[in-house]
Amino acid sequence: MLSQRCVDLGTAPSVIRELFEYGKLRAKEVGADKVFDFSIGNPSVPPPHEVQETLARLLTTVDPLTLHGYTSAQGDLAVREQLAASLSKRFGHEYTASQLYLTVGAAAALCCVFHALTVPGDEYILFAPYFPEYKVFIEGAGARVNILPPQYPDFQIDLNALEAAVNEHTKAVLINSPNNPSGAVYTPETLNALGKLLEDKSRQYGHPIYLISDEPYRELTYDSVTTPWTPDFYRDTIVCYSYSKSLSLPGERIGYVLVGRSVTDSETVYAAVAGAGRTLGYVNAPSLFQRVAATCDGLRADVGVYAENRRLLTEELGKLGYDTAHPPQGTFYYFLPTLEPDDVAFCQQAKALDLLLVPGSGFGAPGYARLSFCVPTDRIRGAIPGFHALAQRYGR
């Protein structure tokens, strides 16, 4: 007898991953230069030079047994002290090592938090569009998911819908800004209103309603947009972070959970996060990259390529009749309104032209397609004729 849920998850591949694998096979058939894969968010720019310098220094100056040995379960103390000092300086709060739990990327951070907080009957609220694995993570912790529809066209939060959705079973609200897939960045006004609403609801129901802020794209923004620091707006905020995108280190799997002292019963919440890490086996994040992350916190890879790709997509697709009125403010995803209501059918039409786009339905936002533009700029330029042909199929 096996877990049917796990069997189902293991045999139902992600649409994104499925497209990615298809693209590799298709490239062997027709040539890589003829397949325009915009499916997966795999950074295409190298890490900042400071990452390479830090690696070289660590590998040549730190005893290998220390460098590659076990750390404390929650992360090396000196690393957490260094990271806490960096976060305190950057965001104006006083953070300490005892508030940081280092993890194997943001996915592990989120899973630790969901398992730490959840008791039977709990519910988490998500805003569409959302990263599909959120639902998997939350349900895996034994909670229910309540998904609220998108607010078009800016993808900010529909506060009226949220107010109606929060109830006595609401354990937390999960936000992701800059957002995958929409590229929207929540404004200070949105976060301020969100914080006030959650404060009111927490008082009404007599328990804290946590705000979980998933921030792997925090530093990837454009046009002078900056990502507000969510704990500035709501005391019961738990931050989950990954260096995969900011430092172009997706394969190294390093991130953290931050439980600031303003969080209600913060020490107990932190202990629960640590206990969840133990339960799930998420202890001792990669030792070498703990040290790299602490040294390079706050840096970002050169987003000039992404900015140019975003500009090209906005201008060239706009000329072809696509709706590019709301380009992404952050991330490296373009959430493009499709040229017919059925986004799955639209993406199938694109696939026939070797344009690999992800349907918005998978993110809870039908009528859109996600283009991952963290690709070489030549791929963007090469894809424009295909987008032209696709538009012609719809009479544009």
Protein backbone atom coordinates (compact mmCIF):
# COMPACT_ATOMS: atom_id res chain seq x y z
CA MET A 1 0.00 0.00 0.00
CA LEU A 2 1.42 3.37 -1.06
CA SER A 3 0.43 6.99 -0.61
CA GLN A 4 -1.95 7.57 -3.50
CA ARG A 5 -1.41 11.31 -3.23
CA CYS A 6 2.33 10.87 -3.75
CA VAL A 7 1.77 8.44 -6.61
CA ASP A 8 -0.55 10.95 -8.26
CA LEU A 9 1.93 13.79 -7.81
CA GLY A 10 4.79 11.66 -9.11
CA THR A 11 2.92 10.66 -12.25
CA ALA A 12 1.44 14.09 -13.03
CA PRO A 13 4.33 16.16 -14.35
CA SER A 14 4.30 19.92 -14.13
CA VAL A 15 3.19 21.65 -17.33
CA ILE A 16 6.32 23.80 -17.10
CA ARG A 17 8.68 20.86 -16.75
CA GLU A 18 6.83 18.91 -19.43
CA LEU A 19 7.28 21.77 -21.90
CA PHE A 20 10.93 22.10 -20.92
CA GLU A 21 11.57 18.40 -21.62
CA TYR A 22 9.63 18.62 -24.89
CA GLY A 23 11.78 21.56 -25.95
CA LYS A 24 14.98 19.55 -25.44
CA LEU A 25 13.64 16.67 -27.54
CA ARG A 26 12.32 19.02 -30.22
CA ALA A 27 15.69 20.78 -30.42
CA LYS A 28 17.33 17.45 -31.30
CA GLU A 29 14.83 17.00 -34.12
CA VAL A 30 14.91 20.43 -35.77
CA GLY A 31 17.91 22.18 -34.24
CA ALA A 32 18.17 24.26 -31.07
CA ASP A 33 18.11 27.50 -33.07
CA LYS A 34 14.59 26.71 -34.32
CA VAL A 35 12.98 26.03 -30.94
CA PHE A 36 12.05 29.05 -28.81
CA ASP A 37 11.64 27.73 -25.30
CA PHE A 38 10.14 30.22 -22.85
CA SER A 39 8.92 27.60 -20.41
CA ILE A 40 11.20 27.53 -17.39
CA GLY A 41 12.67 30.20 -15.13
CA ASN A 42 16.30 29.14 -15.35
CA PRO A 43 18.57 32.23 -15.11
CA SER A 44 20.68 32.82 -18.20
CA VAL A 45 23.12 35.36 -16.76
CA PRO A 46 26.11 34.38 -14.62
CA PRO A 47 26.28 35.03 -10.89
CA PRO A 48 27.82 38.33 -9.75
CA HIS A 49 31.62 38.26 -9.82
CA GLU A 50 31.58 38.51 -6.02
CA VAL A 51 30.13 34.99 -5.91
CA GLN A 52 33.07 33.58 -7.85
CA GLU A 53 35.52 35.58 -5.75
CA THR A 54 33.92 34.36 -2.53
CA LEU A 55 34.00 30.76 -3.71
CA ALA A 56 37.67 31.05 -4.66
CA ARG A 57 38.53 32.61 -1.31
CA LEU A 58 36.62 30.02 0.70
CA LEU A 59 38.08 27.11 -1.22
CA THR A 60 41.63 28.33 -0.71
CA THR A 61 41.51 29.73 2.83
CA VAL A 62 39.04 27.62 4.84
CA ASP A 63 39.90 24.17 6.11
CA PRO A 64 38.08 21.69 3.81
CA LEU A 65 36.81 19.67 6.76
CA THR A 66 35.15 22.81 8.09
CA LEU A 67 34.00 24.10 4.72
CA HIS A 68 32.32 20.86 3.66
CA GLY A 69 31.38 19.57 7.10
CA TYR A 70 28.09 19.64 8.93
CA THR A 71 26.87 22.94 10.32
CA SER A 72 24.26 23.47 13.00
CA ALA A 73 20.88 22.17 11.85
CA GLN A 74 19.52 25.72 11.43
CA GLY A 75 22.68 26.95 9.69
CA ASP A 76 26.17 27.94 10.79
CA LEU A 77 26.00 30.49 13.61
CA ALA A 78 28.61 32.84 12.12
CA VAL A 79 26.80 32.72 8.77
CA ARG A 80 23.47 33.56 10.40
CA GLU A 81 25.07 36.41 12.34
CA GLN A 82 26.56 37.82 9.14
CA LEU A 83 23.28 37.48 7.28
CA ALA A 84 21.29 39.02 10.13
CA ALA A 85 23.64 42.01 10.16
CA SER A 86 23.19 42.42 6.39
CA LEU A 87 19.39 42.27 6.59
CA SER A 88 19.34 44.68 9.55
CA LYS A 89 21.43 47.20 7.62
CA ARG A 90 19.42 46.85 4.43
CA PHE A 91 15.92 47.00 5.91
CA GLY A 92 16.29 48.98 9.12
CA HIS A 93 15.16 46.26 11.53
CA GLU A 94 17.22 44.57 14.23
CA TYR A 95 17.55 40.95 13.18
CA THR A 96 19.61 38.30 14.95
CA ALA A 97 21.00 34.90 14.10
CA SER A 98 18.32 33.25 16.25
CA GLN A 99 15.63 34.50 13.86
CA LEU A 100 17.10 32.88 10.74
CA TYR A 101 16.71 29.28 9.63
CA LEU A 102 18.77 28.46 6.52
CA THR A 103 17.10 26.16 4.03
CA VAL A 104 17.47 24.33 0.77
CA GLY A 105 15.96 27.18 -1.26
CA ALA A 106 12.59 28.90 -0.92
CA ALA A 107 10.63 25.69 -1.51
CA ALA A 108 12.09 24.14 1.64
CA ALA A 109 11.56 27.42 3.49
CA LEU A 110 7.87 27.44 2.59
CA CYS A 111 7.40 23.77 3.44
CA CYS A 112 9.02 24.30 6.84
CA VAL A 113 6.70 27.23 7.56
CA PHE A 114 3.54 25.44 6.43
CA HIS A 115 4.36 22.38 8.52
CA ALA A 116 5.33 24.57 11.48
CA LEU A 117 2.07 26.53 11.52
CA THR A 118 -0.54 24.01 10.44
CA VAL A 119 -2.97 22.25 12.77
CA PRO A 120 -6.05 20.30 11.61
CA GLY A 121 -8.71 22.52 10.05
CA ASP A 122 -6.34 25.30 8.99
CA GLU A 123 -6.73 27.19 5.73
CA TYR A 124 -4.29 29.30 3.71
CA ILE A 125 -5.30 32.02 1.26
CA LEU A 126 -3.51 32.48 -2.07
CA PHE A 127 -3.99 35.12 -4.73
CA ALA A 128 -4.10 34.08 -8.37
CA PRO A 129 -1.97 34.05 -10.37
CA TYR A 130 0.23 31.93 -8.13
CA PHE A 131 3.14 29.48 -8.39
CA PRO A 132 1.39 26.08 -8.76
CA GLU A 133 3.58 24.28 -6.23
CA TYR A 134 2.15 26.42 -3.43
CA LYS A 135 -0.98 24.28 -3.47
CA VAL A 136 1.12 21.10 -3.32
CA PHE A 137 3.15 22.42 -0.38
CA ILE A 138 0.13 23.56 1.63
CA GLU A 139 -1.92 20.43 1.08
CA GLY A 140 1.15 18.37 1.90
CA ALA A 141 1.16 20.05 5.32
CA GLY A 142 -2.45 18.97 5.85
CA ALA A 143 -4.20 22.31 5.28
CA ARG A 144 -6.83 23.58 2.87
CA VAL A 145 -6.17 26.14 0.16
CA ASN A 146 -8.48 29.03 -0.68
CA ILE A 147 -7.50 30.63 -3.99
CA LEU A 148 -8.82 34.11 -4.71
CA PRO A 149 -9.25 35.20 -8.34
CA PRO A 150 -6.87 37.69 -9.99
CA GLN A 151 -7.40 41.41 -9.94
CA TYR A 152 -7.03 42.47 -13.56
CA PRO A 153 -5.09 44.08 -15.12
CA ASP A 154 -2.59 45.18 -12.47
CA PHE A 155 -2.58 41.95 -10.40
CA GLN A 156 -2.60 43.81 -7.11
CA ILE A 157 -4.69 42.37 -4.24
CA ASP A 158 -8.49 42.45 -4.33
CA LEU A 159 -8.95 43.51 -0.72
CA ASN A 160 -12.73 43.15 -0.82
CA ALA A 161 -12.41 39.54 -1.92
CA LEU A 162 -9.82 38.94 0.78
CA GLU A 163 -11.97 40.46 3.51
CA ALA A 164 -14.83 38.18 2.51
CA ALA A 165 -12.55 35.12 2.41
CA VAL A 166 -10.79 35.41 5.78
CA ASN A 167 -12.47 33.31 8.46
CA GLU A 168 -11.77 31.71 11.82
CA HIS A 169 -9.85 28.87 10.11
CA THR A 170 -7.47 31.18 8.21
CA LYS A 171 -3.95 30.47 9.44
CA ALA A 172 -2.07 32.64 6.95
CA VAL A 173 -2.13 34.59 3.73
CA LEU A 174 0.65 33.85 1.24
CA ILE A 175 1.97 36.55 -1.06
CA ASN A 176 4.67 36.52 -3.72
CA SER A 177 6.06 39.89 -4.80
CA PRO A 178 7.54 40.36 -7.35
CA ASN A 179 5.05 37.81 -8.55
CA ASN A 180 5.60 34.65 -10.55
CA PRO A 181 4.00 34.63 -13.12
CA SER A 182 2.59 38.16 -13.49
CA GLY A 183 5.71 40.18 -12.69
CA ALA A 184 3.59 42.51 -10.52
CA VAL A 185 5.18 44.17 -7.49
CA TYR A 186 2.81 44.95 -4.64
CA THR A 187 2.79 48.66 -3.89
CA PRO A 188 3.26 50.15 -0.42
CA GLU A 189 -0.40 51.18 -0.56
CA THR A 190 -1.47 47.59 -1.26
CA LEU A 191 0.70 46.20 1.54
CA ASN A 192 -0.42 48.85 3.99
CA ALA A 193 -4.08 48.07 3.34
CA LEU A 194 -3.34 44.33 3.53
CA GLY A 195 -1.60 44.74 6.88
CA LYS A 196 -4.49 46.74 8.36
CA LEU A 197 -7.02 44.18 7.15
CA LEU A 198 -5.08 41.30 8.70
CA GLU A 199 -4.67 43.20 11.97
CA ASP A 200 -8.44 43.71 12.12
CA LYS A 201 -9.16 40.08 11.29
CA SER A 202 -6.61 38.82 13.82
CA ARG A 203 -8.35 40.82 16.55
CA GLN A 204 -11.76 39.63 15.37
CA TYR A 205 -10.85 35.95 15.54
CA GLY A 206 -8.55 36.14 18.55
CA HIS A 207 -5.44 34.65 16.95
CA PRO A 208 -2.67 35.91 14.67
CA ILE A 209 -3.24 35.50 10.96
CA TYR A 210 0.26 35.23 9.58
CA LEU A 211 1.48 36.80 6.37
CA ILE A 212 3.96 34.56 4.57
CA SER A 213 6.01 36.57 2.08
CA ASP A 214 7.76 34.46 -0.58
CA GLU A 215 10.48 36.69 -2.07
CA PRO A 216 12.85 34.84 -4.43
CA TYR A 217 12.58 37.67 -6.99
CA ARG A 218 12.98 40.52 -4.49
CA GLU A 219 15.94 42.15 -6.25
CA LEU A 220 14.76 41.58 -9.85
CA THR A 221 12.86 44.76 -10.70
CA TYR A 222 12.81 47.30 -13.55
CA ASP A 223 12.19 50.99 -14.25
CA SER A 224 13.27 52.15 -10.79
CA VAL A 225 10.66 49.95 -9.12
CA THR A 226 11.74 48.60 -5.72
CA THR A 227 10.20 45.79 -3.72
CA PRO A 228 8.81 47.02 -0.38
CA TRP A 229 9.99 45.15 2.73
CA THR A 230 6.84 43.36 3.82
CA PRO A 231 7.59 43.30 7.60
CA ASP A 232 7.38 47.12 7.49
CA PHE A 233 3.63 46.76 6.92
CA TYR A 234 2.57 43.85 9.14
CA ARG A 235 4.14 42.59 12.32
CA ASP A 236 3.18 38.91 11.88
CA THR A 237 5.13 38.53 8.63
CA ILE A 238 7.32 35.48 8.02
CA VAL A 239 9.76 35.92 5.13
CA CYS A 240 10.85 33.05 2.88
CA TYR A 241 13.73 33.74 0.51
CA SER A 242 15.97 32.06 -2.05
CA TYR A 243 19.20 33.19 -3.73
CA SER A 244 18.37 31.17 -6.85
CA LYS A 245 17.25 34.14 -8.93
CA SER A 246 19.01 37.14 -7.39
CA LEU A 247 22.45 35.48 -7.51
CA SER A 248 21.71 33.15 -10.46
CA LEU A 249 22.28 30.08 -8.29
CA PRO A 250 19.17 27.93 -8.88
CA GLY A 251 21.03 24.64 -8.69
CA GLU A 252 22.77 25.41 -5.41
CA ARG A 253 19.52 25.48 -3.40
CA ILE A 254 20.13 28.02 -0.67
CA GLY A 255 17.62 30.26 1.10
CA TYR A 256 16.16 31.05 4.50
CA VAL A 257 13.16 31.56 6.74
CA LEU A 258 13.15 34.82 8.73
CA VAL A 259 10.96 35.01 11.84
CA GLY A 260 11.43 38.54 13.17
CA ARG A 261 10.87 39.37 16.83
CA SER A 262 7.70 41.30 15.92
CA VAL A 263 5.97 38.02 15.04
CA THR A 264 3.58 36.90 17.79
CA ASP A 265 5.32 34.26 19.97
CA SER A 266 8.28 34.53 17.62
CA GLU A 267 10.53 32.18 19.59
CA THR A 268 7.90 29.45 19.58
CA VAL A 269 7.21 29.98 15.87
CA TYR A 270 10.94 29.75 15.16
CA ALA A 271 11.17 26.56 17.21
CA ALA A 272 8.29 25.11 15.19
CA VAL A 273 10.07 26.01 11.94
CA ALA A 274 13.20 24.25 13.22
CA GLY A 275 11.10 21.26 14.27
CA ALA A 276 9.47 21.15 10.83
CA GLY A 277 12.91 21.20 9.24
CA ARG A 278 13.85 18.24 11.39
CA THR A 279 10.64 16.38 10.53
CA LEU A 280 11.09 16.98 6.80
CA GLY A 281 14.83 16.34 6.78
CA TYR A 282 15.60 19.96 5.79
CA VAL A 283 18.52 20.44 8.19
CA ASN A 284 22.01 21.72 7.42
CA ALA A 285 21.52 23.60 4.14
CA PRO A 286 24.54 23.29 1.80
CA SER A 287 27.52 24.35 3.90
CA LEU A 288 29.63 26.03 1.23
CA PHE A 289 26.76 28.11 -0.14
CA GLN A 290 25.59 29.16 3.29
CA ARG A 291 28.84 31.12 3.44
CA VAL A 292 28.51 32.41 -0.11
CA ALA A 293 24.95 33.63 0.52
CA ALA A 294 25.88 35.48 3.70
CA THR A 295 28.79 37.25 2.00
CA CYS A 296 26.81 38.16 -1.12
CA ASP A 297 23.45 38.99 0.43
CA GLY A 298 21.85 41.99 -1.25
CA LEU A 299 23.75 41.64 -4.51
CA ARG A 300 22.12 40.63 -7.76
CA ALA A 301 23.17 39.27 -11.09
CA ASP A 302 23.33 41.75 -13.97
CA VAL A 303 19.71 42.10 -15.08
CA GLY A 304 20.65 44.13 -18.14
CA VAL A 305 19.94 41.15 -20.41
CA TYR A 306 16.54 40.64 -18.80
CA ALA A 307 15.73 44.34 -19.11
CA GLU A 308 16.61 44.30 -22.81
CA ASN A 309 14.53 41.16 -23.36
CA ARG A 310 11.60 42.78 -21.59
CA ARG A 311 11.95 45.88 -23.75
CA LEU A 312 12.09 43.84 -26.95
CA LEU A 313 9.04 41.79 -26.04
CA THR A 314 7.05 44.88 -25.10
CA GLU A 315 7.88 46.75 -28.29
CA GLU A 316 7.88 43.95 -30.86
CA LEU A 317 4.84 42.05 -29.59
CA GLY A 318 2.97 45.33 -29.21
CA LYS A 319 3.58 46.03 -32.91
CA LEU A 320 2.09 42.63 -33.76
CA GLY A 321 -1.20 43.27 -31.94
CA TYR A 322 -0.50 41.61 -28.59
CA ASP A 323 -1.53 43.42 -25.42
CA THR A 324 1.70 44.64 -23.83
CA ALA A 325 0.18 47.53 -21.90
CA HIS A 326 1.24 46.07 -18.55
CA PRO A 327 4.83 44.83 -18.83
CA PRO A 328 6.23 43.09 -15.74
CA GLN A 329 7.63 45.32 -13.01
CA GLY A 330 9.81 42.51 -11.70
CA THR A 331 10.89 38.87 -12.14
CA PHE A 332 11.81 37.60 -15.61
CA TYR A 333 8.33 36.50 -16.68
CA TYR A 334 6.00 38.18 -19.15
CA PHE A 335 2.34 37.38 -18.48
CA LEU A 336 0.82 37.96 -21.90
CA PRO A 337 -2.93 38.10 -22.57
CA THR A 338 -3.68 35.41 -25.13
CA LEU A 339 -5.34 36.14 -28.46
CA GLU A 340 -8.27 33.87 -27.64
CA PRO A 341 -10.02 33.10 -24.34
CA ASP A 342 -8.76 29.49 -24.29
CA ASP A 343 -5.16 29.97 -23.19
CA VAL A 344 -4.41 26.24 -23.46
CA ALA A 345 -5.51 26.20 -27.10
CA PHE A 346 -3.50 29.37 -27.73
CA CYS A 347 -0.36 27.78 -26.30
CA GLN A 348 -0.95 24.69 -28.44
CA GLN A 349 -1.07 26.94 -31.50
CA ALA A 350 2.19 28.51 -30.34
CA LYS A 351 3.75 25.09 -29.77
CA ALA A 352 3.00 24.14 -33.38
CA LEU A 353 5.24 27.08 -34.32
CA ASP A 354 7.94 25.95 -31.86
CA LEU A 355 7.10 28.73 -29.40
CA LEU A 356 6.91 27.11 -25.98
CA LEU A 357 4.66 29.16 -23.68
CA VAL A 358 3.00 28.11 -20.42
CA PRO A 359 -0.81 28.48 -20.19
CA GLY A 360 -2.01 30.89 -17.53
CA SER A 361 -4.67 28.42 -16.38
CA GLY A 362 -1.99 26.50 -14.54
CA PHE A 363 -1.37 29.62 -12.45
CA GLY A 364 -5.06 30.26 -11.81
CA ALA A 365 -5.35 32.98 -14.45
CA PRO A 366 -6.91 31.73 -17.69
CA GLY A 367 -6.59 33.93 -20.75
CA TYR A 368 -2.87 34.51 -20.24
CA ALA A 369 0.39 32.81 -21.18
CA ARG A 370 3.66 33.02 -19.28
CA LEU A 371 6.88 33.70 -21.19
CA SER A 372 10.08 33.19 -19.25
CA PHE A 373 12.44 35.77 -20.75
CA CYS A 374 15.57 34.84 -18.78
CA VAL A 375 17.00 33.63 -22.09
CA PRO A 376 19.69 34.88 -24.48
CA THR A 377 18.46 37.98 -26.31
CA ASP A 378 19.01 36.26 -29.65
CA ARG A 379 16.26 33.83 -28.69
CA ILE A 380 13.85 36.74 -28.26
CA ARG A 381 14.82 38.21 -31.63
CA GLY A 382 14.62 34.83 -33.33
CA ALA A 383 11.15 34.20 -31.92
CA ILE A 384 9.54 37.37 -33.28
CA PRO A 385 8.69 35.84 -36.71
CA GLY A 386 6.98 32.98 -34.88
CA PHE A 387 4.93 35.41 -32.81
CA HIS A 388 4.06 37.19 -36.04
CA ALA A 389 2.85 33.94 -37.58
CA LEU A 390 0.88 33.17 -34.42
CA ALA A 391 -0.79 36.57 -34.51
CA GLN A 392 -1.71 36.04 -38.17
CA ARG A 393 -3.57 32.88 -37.22
CA TYR A 394 -5.84 35.13 -35.20
CA GLY A 395 -6.25 37.73 -37.92
CA ARG A 396 -3.86 40.27 -36.40
